[in-house]
């Protein structure tokens, strides 16, 4: 019987520095600062370097987990006209 190792997708929910989180998302610093201002829990972080668990979770909820791609399809529903 063959066993496969499953690679974890995404990242761990823990406290991160702003730089670590920005690098996980792969976005520029200016964009990350805008993201922080847009989320109520992180809007007042100012010069603090670390984001706590609640703040990281709020970012994950708003912008998704880094490394996880969500694809939504708006496919037309086929209509059966042969009836």
N, C-alpha and C. Protein backbone atom coordinates (compact mmCIF):
# COMPACT_ATOMS: atom_id res chain seq x y z
N UNK A 1 0.84 -1.19 0.00
CA UNK A 1 0.00 0.00 0.00
C UNK A 1 0.88 1.24 0.00
N UNK A 2 0.61 2.13 -0.89
CA UNK A 2 1.41 3.34 -1.01
C UNK A 2 0.79 4.46 -0.18
N UNK A 3 1.63 5.15 0.57
CA UNK A 3 1.13 6.27 1.36
C UNK A 3 1.72 7.56 0.82
N UNK A 4 0.93 8.58 0.85
CA UNK A 4 1.37 9.89 0.37
C UNK A 4 1.39 10.86 1.53
N UNK A 5 2.40 11.71 1.53
CA UNK A 5 2.45 12.76 2.54
C UNK A 5 1.66 13.95 2.02
N UNK A 6 0.81 14.46 2.87
CA UNK A 6 -0.01 15.61 2.50
C UNK A 6 0.70 16.87 2.96
N UNK A 7 0.94 17.77 2.03
CA UNK A 7 1.58 19.03 2.37
C UNK A 7 0.54 19.98 2.94
N UNK A 8 0.85 20.62 4.06
CA UNK A 8 -0.10 21.60 4.59
C UNK A 8 -0.17 22.82 3.67
N UNK A 9 -1.36 23.35 3.52
CA UNK A 9 -1.58 24.50 2.67
C UNK A 9 -1.83 25.71 3.56
N UNK A 10 -1.28 26.84 3.18
CA UNK A 10 -1.49 28.05 3.95
C UNK A 10 -0.42 28.25 4.98
N UNK A 11 -0.78 28.80 6.11
CA UNK A 11 0.19 29.07 7.16
C UNK A 11 -0.48 28.93 8.52
N UNK A 12 0.35 28.94 9.54
CA UNK A 12 -0.11 28.74 10.91
C UNK A 12 -0.72 30.02 11.47
N UNK A 13 -1.79 29.87 12.24
CA UNK A 13 -2.42 31.00 12.90
C UNK A 13 -1.67 31.27 14.21
N UNK A 14 -0.86 32.31 14.20
CA UNK A 14 -0.04 32.69 15.35
C UNK A 14 0.30 34.16 15.23
N UNK A 15 1.00 34.70 16.21
CA UNK A 15 1.45 36.09 16.14
C UNK A 15 2.57 36.19 15.10
N UNK A 16 2.54 37.23 14.28
CA UNK A 16 3.55 37.45 13.25
C UNK A 16 4.04 38.89 13.35
N UNK A 17 5.27 39.11 12.86
CA UNK A 17 5.70 40.49 12.67
C UNK A 17 5.04 40.98 11.38
N UNK A 18 4.97 42.27 11.24
CA UNK A 18 4.37 42.83 10.02
C UNK A 18 5.15 42.38 8.79
N UNK A 19 6.48 42.34 8.92
CA UNK A 19 7.30 41.95 7.78
C UNK A 19 7.06 40.50 7.40
N UNK A 20 6.98 39.60 8.39
CA UNK A 20 6.73 38.19 8.11
C UNK A 20 5.41 38.01 7.37
N UNK A 21 4.39 38.68 7.84
CA UNK A 21 3.07 38.54 7.22
C UNK A 21 3.05 39.12 5.81
N UNK A 22 3.69 40.26 5.64
CA UNK A 22 3.77 40.89 4.31
C UNK A 22 4.49 39.97 3.33
N UNK A 23 5.56 39.33 3.77
CA UNK A 23 6.30 38.42 2.89
C UNK A 23 5.49 37.15 2.59
N UNK A 24 4.69 36.69 3.55
CA UNK A 24 3.82 35.54 3.29
C UNK A 24 2.82 35.85 2.20
N UNK A 25 2.26 37.05 2.23
CA UNK A 25 1.30 37.46 1.19
C UNK A 25 2.00 37.82 -0.11
N UNK A 26 3.28 38.19 -0.04
CA UNK A 26 4.02 38.56 -1.25
C UNK A 26 3.56 39.88 -1.83
N UNK A 27 3.28 40.84 -0.97
CA UNK A 27 2.80 42.15 -1.43
C UNK A 27 3.77 43.25 -0.98
N UNK A 28 3.75 44.40 -1.65
CA UNK A 28 4.61 45.52 -1.26
C UNK A 28 4.20 46.11 0.09
N UNK A 29 5.14 46.80 0.73
CA UNK A 29 4.89 47.39 2.04
C UNK A 29 3.74 48.40 2.01
N UNK A 30 3.68 49.18 0.94
CA UNK A 30 2.62 50.20 0.84
C UNK A 30 1.23 49.56 0.80
N UNK A 31 1.10 48.46 0.09
CA UNK A 31 -0.17 47.74 0.03
C UNK A 31 -0.53 47.17 1.39
N UNK A 32 0.48 46.59 2.07
CA UNK A 32 0.22 46.00 3.38
C UNK A 32 -0.22 47.06 4.38
N UNK A 33 0.37 48.24 4.33
CA UNK A 33 -0.04 49.33 5.23
C UNK A 33 -1.50 49.72 4.97
N UNK A 34 -1.90 49.74 3.70
CA UNK A 34 -3.29 50.03 3.35
C UNK A 34 -4.22 48.96 3.89
N UNK A 35 -3.80 47.71 3.78
CA UNK A 35 -4.58 46.60 4.31
C UNK A 35 -4.78 46.75 5.81
N UNK A 36 -3.71 47.11 6.53
CA UNK A 36 -3.80 47.26 7.98
C UNK A 36 -4.80 48.34 8.35
N UNK A 37 -4.82 49.43 7.61
CA UNK A 37 -5.75 50.53 7.89
C UNK A 37 -7.20 50.14 7.61
N UNK A 38 -7.39 49.20 6.69
CA UNK A 38 -8.74 48.80 6.29
C UNK A 38 -9.40 47.82 7.26
N UNK A 39 -8.62 47.22 8.15
CA UNK A 39 -9.15 46.24 9.12
C UNK A 39 -9.17 46.90 10.49
N UNK A 40 -10.34 46.93 11.12
CA UNK A 40 -10.52 47.65 12.39
C UNK A 40 -9.54 47.20 13.47
N UNK A 41 -9.31 45.89 13.57
CA UNK A 41 -8.43 45.38 14.63
C UNK A 41 -6.97 45.80 14.45
N UNK A 42 -6.57 46.11 13.22
CA UNK A 42 -5.17 46.46 12.96
C UNK A 42 -4.97 47.92 12.59
N UNK A 43 -6.04 48.69 12.54
CA UNK A 43 -5.95 50.08 12.08
C UNK A 43 -5.08 50.95 12.97
N UNK A 44 -4.99 50.64 14.25
CA UNK A 44 -4.24 51.50 15.17
C UNK A 44 -2.90 50.89 15.62
N UNK A 45 -2.32 50.00 14.81
CA UNK A 45 -1.07 49.37 15.22
C UNK A 45 0.11 50.33 15.19
N UNK A 46 0.05 51.33 14.33
CA UNK A 46 1.11 52.34 14.28
C UNK A 46 2.48 51.74 14.09
N UNK A 47 3.40 52.04 15.03
CA UNK A 47 4.78 51.59 14.89
C UNK A 47 5.03 50.25 15.57
N UNK A 48 4.00 49.63 16.12
CA UNK A 48 4.17 48.30 16.73
C UNK A 48 4.59 47.31 15.64
N UNK A 49 5.54 46.47 15.98
CA UNK A 49 6.08 45.54 14.99
C UNK A 49 5.30 44.23 14.92
N UNK A 50 4.74 43.78 16.03
CA UNK A 50 4.07 42.48 16.08
C UNK A 50 2.56 42.64 15.98
N UNK A 51 1.93 41.69 15.29
CA UNK A 51 0.48 41.60 15.26
C UNK A 51 0.08 40.38 16.08
N UNK A 52 -0.85 40.57 17.01
CA UNK A 52 -1.25 39.45 17.86
C UNK A 52 -2.21 38.52 17.12
N UNK A 53 -2.60 37.45 17.79
CA UNK A 53 -3.42 36.42 17.17
C UNK A 53 -4.76 36.96 16.65
N UNK A 54 -5.39 37.83 17.42
CA UNK A 54 -6.68 38.41 17.01
C UNK A 54 -6.52 39.25 15.75
N UNK A 55 -5.44 40.03 15.70
CA UNK A 55 -5.19 40.87 14.53
C UNK A 55 -4.88 40.03 13.30
N UNK A 56 -4.08 38.99 13.46
CA UNK A 56 -3.73 38.12 12.34
C UNK A 56 -4.98 37.41 11.82
N UNK A 57 -5.82 36.94 12.73
CA UNK A 57 -7.06 36.27 12.32
C UNK A 57 -7.96 37.23 11.55
N UNK A 58 -8.04 38.48 11.97
CA UNK A 58 -8.86 39.47 11.27
C UNK A 58 -8.33 39.69 9.85
N UNK A 59 -7.01 39.74 9.68
CA UNK A 59 -6.44 39.88 8.33
C UNK A 59 -6.74 38.65 7.48
N UNK A 60 -6.62 37.46 8.07
CA UNK A 60 -6.92 36.23 7.32
C UNK A 60 -8.37 36.21 6.88
N UNK A 61 -9.28 36.67 7.74
CA UNK A 61 -10.71 36.68 7.38
C UNK A 61 -10.98 37.65 6.23
N UNK A 62 -10.33 38.80 6.26
CA UNK A 62 -10.58 39.82 5.24
C UNK A 62 -9.89 39.50 3.91
N UNK A 63 -8.62 39.07 3.97
CA UNK A 63 -7.82 38.91 2.75
C UNK A 63 -7.48 37.46 2.41
N UNK A 64 -7.95 36.53 3.22
CA UNK A 64 -7.66 35.13 2.96
C UNK A 64 -6.34 34.71 3.58
N UNK A 65 -6.13 33.42 3.66
CA UNK A 65 -4.91 32.87 4.23
C UNK A 65 -3.83 32.88 3.15
N UNK A 66 -2.63 33.37 3.47
CA UNK A 66 -1.57 33.38 2.46
C UNK A 66 -1.27 31.98 1.96
N UNK A 67 -1.12 31.84 0.66
CA UNK A 67 -0.81 30.54 0.09
C UNK A 67 -2.04 29.73 -0.30
N UNK A 68 -3.22 30.19 0.04
CA UNK A 68 -4.45 29.50 -0.30
C UNK A 68 -5.20 30.33 -1.34
N UNK A 69 -5.45 29.74 -2.47
CA UNK A 69 -6.16 30.43 -3.54
C UNK A 69 -7.62 29.99 -3.55
N UNK A 70 -8.52 30.95 -3.58
CA UNK A 70 -9.94 30.65 -3.66
C UNK A 70 -10.42 31.12 -5.02
N UNK A 71 -10.97 30.19 -5.76
CA UNK A 71 -11.45 30.50 -7.11
C UNK A 71 -12.96 30.32 -7.12
N UNK A 72 -13.64 31.36 -7.53
CA UNK A 72 -15.10 31.29 -7.64
C UNK A 72 -15.47 31.31 -9.12
N UNK A 73 -16.39 30.47 -9.47
CA UNK A 73 -16.83 30.40 -10.85
C UNK A 73 -18.27 30.88 -10.95
N UNK A 74 -18.54 31.65 -11.95
CA UNK A 74 -19.90 32.05 -12.27
C UNK A 74 -20.26 31.42 -13.61
N UNK A 75 -20.50 30.12 -13.56
CA UNK A 75 -20.82 29.39 -14.78
C UNK A 75 -22.31 29.47 -15.06
N UNK A 76 -22.66 29.61 -16.32
CA UNK A 76 -24.09 29.61 -16.65
C UNK A 76 -24.70 28.25 -16.40
N UNK A 77 -25.93 28.25 -15.97
CA UNK A 77 -26.66 26.99 -15.71
C UNK A 77 -27.25 26.54 -17.06
N UNK A 78 -26.91 25.32 -17.46
CA UNK A 78 -27.43 24.84 -18.74
C UNK A 78 -28.96 24.69 -18.70
N UNK A 79 -29.60 25.13 -19.74
CA UNK A 79 -31.05 25.05 -19.82
C UNK A 79 -31.40 23.93 -20.81
N UNK A 80 -32.22 23.00 -20.36
CA UNK A 80 -32.62 21.89 -21.20
C UNK A 80 -33.83 22.34 -22.03
N UNK A 81 -33.61 22.55 -23.31
CA UNK A 81 -34.70 23.03 -24.18
C UNK A 81 -35.36 21.92 -25.00
N UNK A 82 -35.00 20.68 -24.75
CA UNK A 82 -35.56 19.58 -25.53
C UNK A 82 -36.84 19.02 -24.95
N UNK A 83 -37.36 19.58 -23.89
CA UNK A 83 -38.57 19.04 -23.28
C UNK A 83 -39.81 19.51 -23.95
